[in-house]
Amino acid sequence: MADDELVMVAAFLYPHEAKLAQSLLESEGIQTFLRDEHIMNVQPLWGLATGGCRLMVPASSLARAQELLSVQVSDEELAAEAGVFEAPDDAAERD
């Protein structure tokens, strides 16, 4: 397999999920290509038949891409990153 050959790193049933993963990988300098993205947007039910929206990367970047996509982020970490904070418990009592 050539290092620049495109290989599938992940498949998604929803194009917006594929776009999020694509953005993550591209932010880390990994080139990507979404296969069957437009089919999914035009005819979503065909996604099941075609295997979903496939995120492709160069073979040389596969291991790093898999590593990045496997990281689990908690809801608390996401909220902290976004600057969203939960209301104090006593806030519900005041309403």
C-alpha atoms as a PDB file:
ATOM      1  CA  MET A   1       0.000   0.000   0.000  1.00  0.00           C
ATOM      2  CA  ALA A   2       1.398   3.368  -0.997  1.00  0.00           C
ATOM      3  CA  ASP A   3       1.673   6.002   1.739  1.00  0.00           C
ATOM      4  CA  ASP A   4      -0.483   8.428  -0.242  1.00  0.00           C
ATOM      5  CA  GLU A   5      -3.249   5.901  -0.979  1.00  0.00           C
ATOM      6  CA  LEU A   6      -6.538   6.902   0.665  1.00  0.00           C
ATOM      7  CA  VAL A   7      -7.883   4.495   3.276  1.00  0.00           C
ATOM      8  CA  MET A   8     -11.073   4.644   5.341  1.00  0.00           C
ATOM      9  CA  VAL A   9     -10.581   5.710   8.931  1.00  0.00           C
ATOM     10  CA  ALA A  10     -14.291   5.871   9.886  1.00  0.00           C
ATOM     11  CA  ALA A  11     -17.827   5.707   8.482  1.00  0.00           C
ATOM     12  CA  PHE A  12     -20.807   7.785   9.607  1.00  0.00           C
ATOM     13  CA  LEU A  13     -24.550   7.557   8.949  1.00  0.00           C
ATOM     14  CA  TYR A  14     -24.918  11.334   9.225  1.00  0.00           C
ATOM     15  CA  PRO A  15     -22.827  13.730   7.116  1.00  0.00           C
ATOM     16  CA  HIS A  16     -22.674  16.333   9.889  1.00  0.00           C
ATOM     17  CA  GLU A  17     -20.918  13.809  12.157  1.00  0.00           C
ATOM     18  CA  ALA A  18     -18.439  13.066   9.367  1.00  0.00           C
ATOM     19  CA  LYS A  19     -17.798  16.801   8.960  1.00  0.00           C
ATOM     20  CA  LEU A  20     -16.997  17.152  12.671  1.00  0.00           C
ATOM     21  CA  ALA A  21     -14.499  14.288  12.503  1.00  0.00           C
ATOM     22  CA  GLN A  22     -13.055  15.729   9.291  1.00  0.00           C
ATOM     23  CA  SER A  23     -12.584  19.115  10.972  1.00  0.00           C
ATOM     24  CA  LEU A  24     -10.813  17.516  13.927  1.00  0.00           C
ATOM     25  CA  LEU A  25      -8.367  15.656  11.694  1.00  0.00           C
ATOM     26  CA  GLU A  26      -7.724  18.654   9.455  1.00  0.00           C
ATOM     27  CA  SER A  27      -7.067  20.836  12.512  1.00  0.00           C
ATOM     28  CA  GLU A  28      -4.259  18.397  13.310  1.00  0.00           C
ATOM     29  CA  GLY A  29      -2.812  18.703   9.799  1.00  0.00           C
ATOM     30  CA  ILE A  30      -4.188  15.447   8.402  1.00  0.00           C
ATOM     31  CA  GLN A  31      -5.538  15.647   4.856  1.00  0.00           C
ATOM     32  CA  THR A  32      -9.012  14.131   4.494  1.00  0.00           C
ATOM     33  CA  PHE A  33     -11.654  13.299   1.917  1.00  0.00           C
ATOM     34  CA  LEU A  34     -15.326  12.483   2.519  1.00  0.00           C
ATOM     35  CA  ARG A  35     -16.559   9.739   0.232  1.00  0.00           C
ATOM     36  CA  ASP A  36     -20.298   9.551  -0.536  1.00  0.00           C
ATOM     37  CA  GLU A  37     -20.998  12.771   1.343  1.00  0.00           C
ATOM     38  CA  HIS A  38     -23.206  14.174  -1.412  1.00  0.00           C
ATOM     39  CA  ILE A  39     -25.177  10.954  -1.836  1.00  0.00           C
ATOM     40  CA  MET A  40     -25.980  11.107   1.873  1.00  0.00           C
ATOM     41  CA  ASN A  41     -27.152  14.718   1.595  1.00  0.00           C
ATOM     42  CA  VAL A  42     -29.346  14.108  -1.449  1.00  0.00           C
ATOM     43  CA  GLN A  43     -30.738  10.678  -0.565  1.00  0.00           C
ATOM     44  CA  PRO A  44     -30.116   9.844   3.117  1.00  0.00           C
ATOM     45  CA  LEU A  45     -31.621   6.353   2.908  1.00  0.00           C
ATOM     46  CA  TRP A  46     -29.008   5.346   0.355  1.00  0.00           C
ATOM     47  CA  GLY A  47     -26.435   5.818   3.088  1.00  0.00           C
ATOM     48  CA  LEU A  48     -27.300   2.440   4.524  1.00  0.00           C
ATOM     49  CA  ALA A  49     -26.716   0.783   1.157  1.00  0.00           C
ATOM     50  CA  THR A  50     -23.464   2.609   0.391  1.00  0.00           C
ATOM     51  CA  GLY A  51     -21.902   2.122   3.821  1.00  0.00           C
ATOM     52  CA  GLY A  52     -22.437   5.650   5.047  1.00  0.00           C
ATOM     53  CA  CYS A  53     -20.287   8.721   4.616  1.00  0.00           C
ATOM     54  CA  ARG A  54     -16.708   7.439   4.678  1.00  0.00           C
ATOM     55  CA  LEU A  55     -13.880   9.545   6.046  1.00  0.00           C
ATOM     56  CA  MET A  56     -10.716   8.831   4.080  1.00  0.00           C
ATOM     57  CA  VAL A  57      -7.115   9.700   4.995  1.00  0.00           C
ATOM     58  CA  PRO A  58      -3.709   8.933   3.465  1.00  0.00           C
ATOM     59  CA  ALA A  59      -2.411   5.532   4.587  1.00  0.00           C
ATOM     60  CA  SER A  60       0.583   7.253   6.176  1.00  0.00           C
ATOM     61  CA  SER A  61      -1.782   9.186   8.510  1.00  0.00           C
ATOM     62  CA  LEU A  62      -4.102   6.311   9.418  1.00  0.00           C
ATOM     63  CA  ALA A  63      -2.654   5.484  12.847  1.00  0.00           C
ATOM     64  CA  ARG A  64      -2.640   9.138  13.979  1.00  0.00           C
ATOM     65  CA  ALA A  65      -6.189   9.675  12.662  1.00  0.00           C
ATOM     66  CA  GLN A  66      -7.456   6.583  14.513  1.00  0.00           C
ATOM     67  CA  GLU A  67      -5.766   7.815  17.682  1.00  0.00           C
ATOM     68  CA  LEU A  68      -7.386  11.269  17.407  1.00  0.00           C
ATOM     69  CA  LEU A  69     -10.848   9.878  16.686  1.00  0.00           C
ATOM     70  CA  SER A  70     -10.691   7.417  19.588  1.00  0.00           C
ATOM     71  CA  VAL A  71     -10.280  10.098  22.277  1.00  0.00           C
ATOM     72  CA  GLN A  72     -13.328  10.251  24.538  1.00  0.00           C
ATOM     73  CA  VAL A  73     -14.349  13.697  25.799  1.00  0.00           C
ATOM     74  CA  SER A  74     -16.770  14.004  28.711  1.00  0.00           C
ATOM     75  CA  ASP A  75     -19.744  16.357  28.716  1.00  0.00           C
ATOM     76  CA  GLU A  76     -18.075  18.315  31.526  1.00  0.00           C
ATOM     77  CA  GLU A  77     -14.924  18.833  29.438  1.00  0.00           C
ATOM     78  CA  LEU A  78     -17.003  19.984  26.471  1.00  0.00           C
ATOM     79  CA  ALA A  79     -18.966  22.412  28.648  1.00  0.00           C
ATOM     80  CA  ALA A  80     -15.781  23.818  30.177  1.00  0.00           C
ATOM     81  CA  GLU A  81     -14.220  24.253  26.732  1.00  0.00           C
ATOM     82  CA  ALA A  82     -17.329  26.064  25.501  1.00  0.00           C
ATOM     83  CA  GLY A  83     -17.554  28.227  28.625  1.00  0.00           C
ATOM     84  CA  VAL A  84     -20.913  26.771  29.624  1.00  0.00           C
ATOM     85  CA  PHE A  85     -21.525  26.354  33.302  1.00  0.00           C
ATOM     86  CA  GLU A  86     -24.390  24.706  35.143  1.00  0.00           C
ATOM     87  CA  ALA A  87     -26.581  26.816  37.398  1.00  0.00           C
ATOM     88  CA  PRO A  88     -26.114  26.326  41.144  1.00  0.00           C
ATOM     89  CA  ASP A  89     -28.536  23.871  42.766  1.00  0.00           C
ATOM     90  CA  ASP A  90     -30.298  26.636  44.686  1.00  0.00           C
ATOM     91  CA  ALA A  91     -31.170  28.475  41.432  1.00  0.00           C
ATOM     92  CA  ALA A  92     -34.035  26.056  40.804  1.00  0.00           C
ATOM     93  CA  GLU A  93     -35.461  26.760  44.283  1.00  0.00           C
ATOM     94  CA  ARG A  94     -35.570  30.524  43.605  1.00  0.00           C
ATOM     95  CA  ASP A  95     -37.706  30.159  40.460  1.00  0.00           C
END
